[in-house]
Amino acid sequence: PNSFSFSPLSVTSPHTNFETLSIRPNPAMGMARIYFTLATAQDVSLRLFNSVGDEVKSIALGTRSAGANEYDFDGSSLAAGTYSFELRVGNREEAGRIVLIK
């Protein structure tokens, strides 16, 4: 009989520098942790936008190594609401949303 075995495989698209991106907790009460995995070491920055699209925060995270990374985001000075964020790695961006509650 034929048998097949499958191994976990992580595939990174040649068009992106990200393998994963998540933020927890979400919704958050001011503090949240952004988790991201990079295929290669890159300069990383974070921009946060309010519900009407105005940039409310811009943070340079510096050069981050390949593999798992995390950043502790402090949104305690911001009003409660839904915010969009862009994580820029090199010349690529990955977007998401975070809900801040008070």
Protein backbone atom coordinates (compact mmCIF):
# COMPACT_ATOMS: atom_id res chain seq x y z
CA PRO A 1 0.00 0.00 0.00
CA ASN A 2 1.03 3.58 -0.65
CA SER A 3 1.64 5.75 2.38
CA PHE A 4 2.21 9.47 2.59
CA SER A 5 3.59 11.58 5.37
CA PHE A 6 3.34 15.33 5.61
CA SER A 7 5.72 17.64 7.43
CA PRO A 8 4.85 21.16 8.54
CA LEU A 9 6.07 23.63 5.96
CA SER A 10 6.51 27.37 6.35
CA VAL A 11 6.42 29.21 3.06
CA THR A 12 7.44 32.82 2.70
CA SER A 13 6.31 34.61 -0.43
CA PRO A 14 9.12 36.32 -2.32
CA HIS A 15 6.86 39.40 -2.39
CA THR A 16 6.76 39.93 1.38
CA ASN A 17 9.18 40.05 4.29
CA PHE A 18 6.58 38.74 6.75
CA GLU A 19 5.74 35.24 7.75
CA THR A 20 3.33 36.17 10.56
CA LEU A 21 1.85 39.26 12.19
CA SER A 22 -0.52 39.44 15.17
CA ILE A 23 -1.42 41.75 18.04
CA ARG A 24 -2.61 40.63 21.48
CA PRO A 25 -4.72 41.32 23.39
CA ASN A 26 -7.15 42.85 20.95
CA PRO A 27 -9.18 44.67 22.18
CA ALA A 28 -6.58 46.12 24.53
CA MET A 29 -6.77 48.35 27.58
CA GLY A 30 -3.82 50.52 26.60
CA MET A 31 -1.02 47.95 26.37
CA ALA A 32 -0.72 45.37 23.61
CA ARG A 33 2.07 43.24 22.21
CA ILE A 34 2.71 43.06 18.48
CA TYR A 35 4.22 39.77 17.35
CA PHE A 36 5.84 39.45 13.95
CA THR A 37 8.14 37.02 12.24
CA LEU A 38 10.59 38.28 9.63
CA ALA A 39 12.15 36.27 6.84
CA THR A 40 15.32 38.41 6.95
CA ALA A 41 16.76 41.12 9.21
CA GLN A 42 15.13 44.44 8.28
CA ASP A 43 14.45 47.98 9.50
CA VAL A 44 10.97 48.05 11.03
CA SER A 45 8.61 50.93 11.82
CA LEU A 46 5.04 51.21 13.08
CA ARG A 47 2.44 53.83 12.19
CA LEU A 48 -0.95 54.15 13.87
CA PHE A 49 -4.01 55.88 12.36
CA ASN A 50 -7.30 56.94 13.94
CA SER A 51 -10.72 56.15 12.46
CA VAL A 52 -10.61 59.12 10.04
CA GLY A 53 -7.15 58.21 8.74
CA ASP A 54 -5.03 60.74 10.63
CA GLU A 55 -1.64 59.43 11.75
CA VAL A 56 -1.56 59.56 15.56
CA LYS A 57 1.71 57.76 16.25
CA SER A 58 4.87 56.83 14.35
CA ILE A 59 7.52 54.64 15.96
CA ALA A 60 10.87 53.53 14.51
CA LEU A 61 11.58 50.06 15.90
CA GLY A 62 15.07 49.89 14.39
CA THR A 63 16.67 46.90 12.73
CA ARG A 64 15.05 43.64 13.83
CA SER A 65 16.55 40.21 13.31
CA ALA A 66 15.17 37.41 11.17
CA GLY A 67 12.78 35.16 13.06
CA ALA A 68 10.30 35.90 15.85
CA ASN A 69 10.08 39.48 17.12
CA GLU A 70 7.76 41.38 19.41
CA TYR A 71 7.07 44.98 20.39
CA ASP A 72 5.17 46.26 23.43
CA PHE A 73 2.80 48.95 22.20
CA ASP A 74 1.59 51.54 24.73
CA GLY A 75 -1.68 53.08 23.58
CA SER A 76 -2.68 54.35 27.03
CA SER A 77 -2.39 57.99 25.94
CA LEU A 78 -4.84 57.46 23.06
CA ALA A 79 -8.63 57.71 23.20
CA ALA A 80 -10.72 54.55 23.14
CA GLY A 81 -11.58 53.47 19.62
CA THR A 82 -10.53 51.44 16.60
CA TYR A 83 -7.15 52.21 15.09
CA SER A 84 -5.42 50.96 11.96
CA PHE A 85 -1.73 50.20 12.07
CA GLU A 86 0.92 49.65 9.43
CA LEU A 87 4.04 47.70 10.20
CA ARG A 88 6.69 48.63 7.64
CA VAL A 89 9.53 46.23 6.97
CA GLY A 90 12.01 47.49 4.42
CA ASN A 91 9.80 48.82 1.62
CA ARG A 92 6.83 46.53 2.39
CA GLU A 93 3.86 47.22 4.66
CA GLU A 94 1.51 44.92 6.52
CA ALA A 95 -1.69 46.39 7.97
CA GLY A 96 -4.02 45.50 10.79
CA ARG A 97 -6.46 46.93 13.33
CA ILE A 98 -6.44 47.31 17.08
CA VAL A 99 -9.32 48.28 19.35
CA LEU A 100 -8.39 50.30 22.43
CA ILE A 101 -10.81 50.29 25.36
CA LYS A 102 -10.65 52.29 28.60
